[in-house]
Amino acid sequence: MKNTIPIFVALVSVLSLFSCSNKEQEKEASVMKEVKPNQSEPSDTVSAEKYYLEADIEALSVLKKGDTFEVKTKEGQMALTLDVRRVQETIPGITSISANIGNKEKGLATLLLRDGRLTGMLDLYQENKKYRVQYDTERNASYIQEILPGEMDVLEGGKPLNPGESTRQQ
């Protein structure tokens, strides 16, 4: 009898340990389900509105430094003239395009052309707006979305500089 009591205590301890462990795992799993974001909801970093672009991909693929091309939305919300600063194919099949928007004080476009798909960023300095260019595989077209100002990265220690502003302290 004396030998069975320690065995009984050990057995009860092991069973309660497994029981507690399973409850903790279930609790953790339920918390993870609650935290997991819904993929169908719009991102908090960009506006929900998508503006599809009219883009001549064939013309974009033969651009050279000094060329001008226009990026505009199909619905007519935006039309921008881009003056090409640099075109480079660093990886076969991927063309990088850097261009001034209008004059160089208005903004900068950094675009990638890959497999007929246009992606990148449009930064409009004068309007203090940034747009992301992405590709929608369902509609087979590129679109832009505005990046919300509250979600833009800002370096600590000072206000953002705009082209042409002096960096000297007075």
C-alpha atoms as a PDB file:
ATOM      1  CA  MET A   1       0.000   0.000   0.000  1.00  0.00           C
ATOM      2  CA  LYS A   2       2.838   2.317   0.877  1.00  0.00           C
ATOM      3  CA  ASN A   3       4.318   1.815  -2.594  1.00  0.00           C
ATOM      4  CA  THR A   4       1.032   2.506  -4.400  1.00  0.00           C
ATOM      5  CA  ILE A   5       0.500   5.981  -2.930  1.00  0.00           C
ATOM      6  CA  PRO A   6       3.615   7.529  -4.555  1.00  0.00           C
ATOM      7  CA  ILE A   7       2.750   5.839  -7.857  1.00  0.00           C
ATOM      8  CA  PHE A   8      -0.825   7.139  -7.623  1.00  0.00           C
ATOM      9  CA  VAL A   9       0.419  10.691  -6.845  1.00  0.00           C
ATOM     10  CA  ALA A  10       2.865  10.560  -9.765  1.00  0.00           C
ATOM     11  CA  LEU A  11       0.146   9.299 -12.129  1.00  0.00           C
ATOM     12  CA  VAL A  12      -2.292  12.060 -11.083  1.00  0.00           C
ATOM     13  CA  SER A  13       0.475  14.681 -11.502  1.00  0.00           C
ATOM     14  CA  VAL A  14       1.327  13.507 -15.040  1.00  0.00           C
ATOM     15  CA  LEU A  15      -2.345  13.445 -16.089  1.00  0.00           C
ATOM     16  CA  SER A  16      -2.986  16.937 -14.725  1.00  0.00           C
ATOM     17  CA  LEU A  17       0.141  18.202 -16.497  1.00  0.00           C
ATOM     18  CA  PHE A  18      -1.091  16.841 -19.845  1.00  0.00           C
ATOM     19  CA  SER A  19      -4.563  18.229 -19.190  1.00  0.00           C
ATOM     20  CA  CYS A  20      -3.211  21.721 -18.480  1.00  0.00           C
ATOM     21  CA  SER A  21      -0.916  21.552 -21.487  1.00  0.00           C
ATOM     22  CA  ASN A  22      -3.828  20.723 -23.855  1.00  0.00           C
ATOM     23  CA  LYS A  23      -5.957  23.541 -22.419  1.00  0.00           C
ATOM     24  CA  GLU A  24      -3.094  26.028 -22.962  1.00  0.00           C
ATOM     25  CA  GLN A  25      -2.673  24.863 -26.568  1.00  0.00           C
ATOM     26  CA  GLU A  26      -6.426  25.210 -27.227  1.00  0.00           C
ATOM     27  CA  LYS A  27      -6.432  28.679 -25.666  1.00  0.00           C
ATOM     28  CA  GLU A  28      -3.415  29.716 -27.757  1.00  0.00           C
ATOM     29  CA  ALA A  29      -5.044  28.383 -30.940  1.00  0.00           C
ATOM     30  CA  SER A  30      -8.260  30.316 -30.268  1.00  0.00           C
ATOM     31  CA  VAL A  31      -6.278  33.538 -29.684  1.00  0.00           C
ATOM     32  CA  MET A  32      -4.385  32.994 -32.939  1.00  0.00           C
ATOM     33  CA  LYS A  33      -7.688  32.574 -34.816  1.00  0.00           C
ATOM     34  CA  GLU A  34      -8.917  35.903 -33.448  1.00  0.00           C
ATOM     35  CA  VAL A  35      -5.703  37.736 -34.377  1.00  0.00           C
ATOM     36  CA  LYS A  36      -5.371  36.297 -37.894  1.00  0.00           C
ATOM     37  CA  PRO A  37      -6.270  39.070 -40.378  1.00  0.00           C
ATOM     38  CA  ASN A  38      -8.962  38.572 -42.975  1.00  0.00           C
ATOM     39  CA  GLN A  39      -7.277  38.536 -46.367  1.00  0.00           C
ATOM     40  CA  SER A  40     -10.314  40.003 -48.151  1.00  0.00           C
ATOM     41  CA  GLU A  41     -10.244  43.252 -46.163  1.00  0.00           C
ATOM     42  CA  PRO A  42      -8.457  46.258 -47.728  1.00  0.00           C
ATOM     43  CA  SER A  43      -5.029  47.181 -46.425  1.00  0.00           C
ATOM     44  CA  ASP A  44      -4.724  50.031 -43.927  1.00  0.00           C
ATOM     45  CA  THR A  45      -1.698  51.389 -45.788  1.00  0.00           C
ATOM     46  CA  VAL A  46      -3.380  52.179 -49.104  1.00  0.00           C
ATOM     47  CA  SER A  47      -6.704  53.648 -50.097  1.00  0.00           C
ATOM     48  CA  ALA A  48      -9.382  51.172 -51.061  1.00  0.00           C
ATOM     49  CA  GLU A  49      -9.908  52.754 -54.487  1.00  0.00           C
ATOM     50  CA  LYS A  50      -8.076  51.228 -57.430  1.00  0.00           C
ATOM     51  CA  TYR A  51      -7.599  53.236 -60.606  1.00  0.00           C
ATOM     52  CA  TYR A  52      -6.734  51.027 -63.569  1.00  0.00           C
ATOM     53  CA  LEU A  53      -4.083  52.324 -65.954  1.00  0.00           C
ATOM     54  CA  GLU A  54      -4.014  52.651 -69.695  1.00  0.00           C
ATOM     55  CA  ALA A  55      -0.492  51.560 -70.541  1.00  0.00           C
ATOM     56  CA  ASP A  56       1.092  50.675 -73.861  1.00  0.00           C
ATOM     57  CA  ILE A  57       3.380  47.892 -72.652  1.00  0.00           C
ATOM     58  CA  GLU A  58       5.068  47.568 -76.062  1.00  0.00           C
ATOM     59  CA  ALA A  59       6.010  51.276 -75.962  1.00  0.00           C
ATOM     60  CA  LEU A  60       7.255  50.975 -72.376  1.00  0.00           C
ATOM     61  CA  SER A  61       9.514  48.060 -73.273  1.00  0.00           C
ATOM     62  CA  VAL A  62      11.501  50.148 -75.821  1.00  0.00           C
ATOM     63  CA  LEU A  63      11.882  53.366 -73.803  1.00  0.00           C
ATOM     64  CA  LYS A  64      15.251  55.124 -73.692  1.00  0.00           C
ATOM     65  CA  LYS A  65      16.689  57.910 -71.549  1.00  0.00           C
ATOM     66  CA  GLY A  66      15.151  61.235 -72.620  1.00  0.00           C
ATOM     67  CA  ASP A  67      11.893  59.704 -73.912  1.00  0.00           C
ATOM     68  CA  THR A  68       8.523  60.923 -72.661  1.00  0.00           C
ATOM     69  CA  PHE A  69       5.448  58.807 -72.044  1.00  0.00           C
ATOM     70  CA  GLU A  70       2.070  59.279 -70.426  1.00  0.00           C
ATOM     71  CA  VAL A  71       0.507  57.308 -67.598  1.00  0.00           C
ATOM     72  CA  LYS A  72      -3.223  57.787 -67.251  1.00  0.00           C
ATOM     73  CA  THR A  73      -6.139  56.033 -65.664  1.00  0.00           C
ATOM     74  CA  LYS A  74      -8.908  54.503 -67.739  1.00  0.00           C
ATOM     75  CA  GLU A  75     -11.527  56.419 -65.770  1.00  0.00           C
ATOM     76  CA  GLY A  76      -9.738  59.763 -66.330  1.00  0.00           C
ATOM     77  CA  GLN A  77      -8.892  60.550 -62.688  1.00  0.00           C
ATOM     78  CA  MET A  78      -5.201  61.062 -63.402  1.00  0.00           C
ATOM     79  CA  ALA A  79      -2.860  61.727 -66.296  1.00  0.00           C
ATOM     80  CA  LEU A  80       0.871  62.177 -65.769  1.00  0.00           C
ATOM     81  CA  THR A  81       3.652  62.913 -68.217  1.00  0.00           C
ATOM     82  CA  LEU A  82       6.851  61.056 -67.369  1.00  0.00           C
ATOM     83  CA  ASP A  83      10.294  62.138 -68.595  1.00  0.00           C
ATOM     84  CA  VAL A  84      12.592  59.090 -68.565  1.00  0.00           C
ATOM     85  CA  ARG A  85      15.800  59.545 -66.562  1.00  0.00           C
ATOM     86  CA  ARG A  86      17.042  55.966 -66.695  1.00  0.00           C
ATOM     87  CA  VAL A  87      16.079  52.633 -68.217  1.00  0.00           C
ATOM     88  CA  GLN A  88      17.976  49.574 -67.127  1.00  0.00           C
ATOM     89  CA  GLU A  89      17.618  45.826 -67.504  1.00  0.00           C
ATOM     90  CA  THR A  90      19.635  44.520 -64.552  1.00  0.00           C
ATOM     91  CA  ILE A  91      18.019  41.079 -64.614  1.00  0.00           C
ATOM     92  CA  PRO A  92      16.983  39.555 -67.947  1.00  0.00           C
ATOM     93  CA  GLY A  93      13.262  40.142 -68.449  1.00  0.00           C
ATOM     94  CA  ILE A  94      12.972  42.876 -65.789  1.00  0.00           C
ATOM     95  CA  THR A  95      13.240  46.499 -66.926  1.00  0.00           C
ATOM     96  CA  SER A  96      13.634  49.255 -64.349  1.00  0.00           C
ATOM     97  CA  ILE A  97      12.366  52.717 -65.362  1.00  0.00           C
ATOM     98  CA  SER A  98      13.116  55.879 -63.405  1.00  0.00           C
ATOM     99  CA  ALA A  99      11.362  59.027 -64.600  1.00  0.00           C
ATOM    100  CA  ASN A 100      10.565  62.567 -63.524  1.00  0.00           C
ATOM    101  CA  ILE A 101       6.856  63.331 -63.312  1.00  0.00           C
ATOM    102  CA  GLY A 102       6.338  66.520 -65.325  1.00  0.00           C
ATOM    103  CA  ASN A 103       9.282  68.627 -64.341  1.00  0.00           C
ATOM    104  CA  LYS A 104      11.674  67.203 -61.760  1.00  0.00           C
ATOM    105  CA  GLU A 105      10.132  69.332 -58.978  1.00  0.00           C
ATOM    106  CA  LYS A 106       6.690  67.737 -59.434  1.00  0.00           C
ATOM    107  CA  GLY A 107       7.579  64.135 -58.676  1.00  0.00           C
ATOM    108  CA  LEU A 108       9.397  60.915 -59.386  1.00  0.00           C
ATOM    109  CA  ALA A 109       8.270  57.571 -60.783  1.00  0.00           C
ATOM    110  CA  THR A 110      10.096  54.307 -60.173  1.00  0.00           C
ATOM    111  CA  LEU A 111       8.596  51.504 -62.243  1.00  0.00           C
ATOM    112  CA  LEU A 112       9.356  47.877 -63.058  1.00  0.00           C
ATOM    113  CA  LEU A 113       8.229  46.116 -66.212  1.00  0.00           C
ATOM    114  CA  ARG A 114       8.269  42.326 -65.994  1.00  0.00           C
ATOM    115  CA  ASP A 115       6.440  39.886 -68.258  1.00  0.00           C
ATOM    116  CA  GLY A 116       4.209  42.687 -69.545  1.00  0.00           C
ATOM    117  CA  ARG A 117       3.251  43.710 -66.000  1.00  0.00           C
ATOM    118  CA  LEU A 118       3.861  47.219 -64.707  1.00  0.00           C
ATOM    119  CA  THR A 119       4.503  47.803 -60.981  1.00  0.00           C
ATOM    120  CA  GLY A 120       6.233  50.488 -58.913  1.00  0.00           C
ATOM    121  CA  MET A 121       5.802  53.790 -57.086  1.00  0.00           C
ATOM    122  CA  LEU A 122       4.711  57.302 -58.030  1.00  0.00           C
ATOM    123  CA  ASP A 123       5.789  60.071 -55.646  1.00  0.00           C
ATOM    124  CA  LEU A 124       4.114  63.435 -56.285  1.00  0.00           C
ATOM    125  CA  TYR A 125       6.099  65.999 -54.269  1.00  0.00           C
ATOM    126  CA  GLN A 126       3.941  69.050 -54.975  1.00  0.00           C
ATOM    127  CA  GLU A 127       0.737  67.272 -53.973  1.00  0.00           C
ATOM    128  CA  ASN A 128       2.421  65.397 -51.103  1.00  0.00           C
ATOM    129  CA  LYS A 129       0.922  62.120 -52.345  1.00  0.00           C
ATOM    130  CA  LYS A 130       2.376  58.702 -53.046  1.00  0.00           C
ATOM    131  CA  TYR A 131       0.852  55.994 -55.186  1.00  0.00           C
ATOM    132  CA  ARG A 132       1.631  52.311 -55.489  1.00  0.00           C
ATOM    133  CA  VAL A 133       1.415  50.735 -58.951  1.00  0.00           C
ATOM    134  CA  GLN A 134       0.399  47.069 -58.802  1.00  0.00           C
ATOM    135  CA  TYR A 135      -0.836  44.404 -61.166  1.00  0.00           C
ATOM    136  CA  ASP A 136      -4.264  42.748 -60.934  1.00  0.00           C
ATOM    137  CA  THR A 137      -4.032  39.226 -62.366  1.00  0.00           C
ATOM    138  CA  GLU A 138      -7.820  38.806 -62.443  1.00  0.00           C
ATOM    139  CA  ARG A 139      -8.326  41.854 -64.676  1.00  0.00           C
ATOM    140  CA  ASN A 140      -4.965  41.516 -66.436  1.00  0.00           C
ATOM    141  CA  ALA A 141      -4.204  45.214 -65.862  1.00  0.00           C
ATOM    142  CA  SER A 142      -2.043  47.499 -63.746  1.00  0.00           C
ATOM    143  CA  TYR A 143      -3.661  49.897 -61.298  1.00  0.00           C
ATOM    144  CA  ILE A 144      -2.644  52.594 -58.831  1.00  0.00           C
ATOM    145  CA  GLN A 145      -3.677  53.129 -55.227  1.00  0.00           C
ATOM    146  CA  GLU A 146      -2.837  56.100 -53.042  1.00  0.00           C
ATOM    147  CA  ILE A 147      -0.696  55.327 -49.988  1.00  0.00           C
ATOM    148  CA  LEU A 148      -2.319  56.968 -46.975  1.00  0.00           C
ATOM    149  CA  PRO A 149      -0.226  59.770 -45.377  1.00  0.00           C
ATOM    150  CA  GLY A 150      -0.483  58.333 -41.870  1.00  0.00           C
ATOM    151  CA  GLU A 151       1.173  55.118 -43.041  1.00  0.00           C
ATOM    152  CA  MET A 152       4.198  56.699 -44.735  1.00  0.00           C
ATOM    153  CA  ASP A 153       7.564  56.138 -43.102  1.00  0.00           C
ATOM    154  CA  VAL A 154       9.059  59.362 -41.754  1.00  0.00           C
ATOM    155  CA  LEU A 155      12.552  59.517 -40.338  1.00  0.00           C
ATOM    156  CA  GLU A 156      12.880  60.889 -36.840  1.00  0.00           C
ATOM    157  CA  GLY A 157      14.649  64.180 -36.282  1.00  0.00           C
ATOM    158  CA  GLY A 158      13.184  66.560 -38.811  1.00  0.00           C
ATOM    159  CA  LYS A 159      10.641  67.322 -41.446  1.00  0.00           C
ATOM    160  CA  PRO A 160      10.927  65.610 -44.844  1.00  0.00           C
ATOM    161  CA  LEU A 161      12.939  67.475 -47.460  1.00  0.00           C
ATOM    162  CA  ASN A 162      11.544  68.343 -50.859  1.00  0.00           C
ATOM    163  CA  PRO A 163      13.687  68.702 -53.988  1.00  0.00           C
ATOM    164  CA  GLY A 164      15.261  72.121 -54.237  1.00  0.00           C
ATOM    165  CA  GLU A 165      15.115  72.820 -50.483  1.00  0.00           C
ATOM    166  CA  SER A 166      18.330  73.768 -48.795  1.00  0.00           C
ATOM    167  CA  THR A 167      19.704  71.313 -46.252  1.00  0.00           C
ATOM    168  CA  ARG A 168      21.838  73.964 -44.502  1.00  0.00           C
ATOM    169  CA  GLN A 169      20.775  75.078 -41.068  1.00  0.00           C
ATOM    170  CA  GLN A 170      20.466  78.788 -40.534  1.00  0.00           C
END
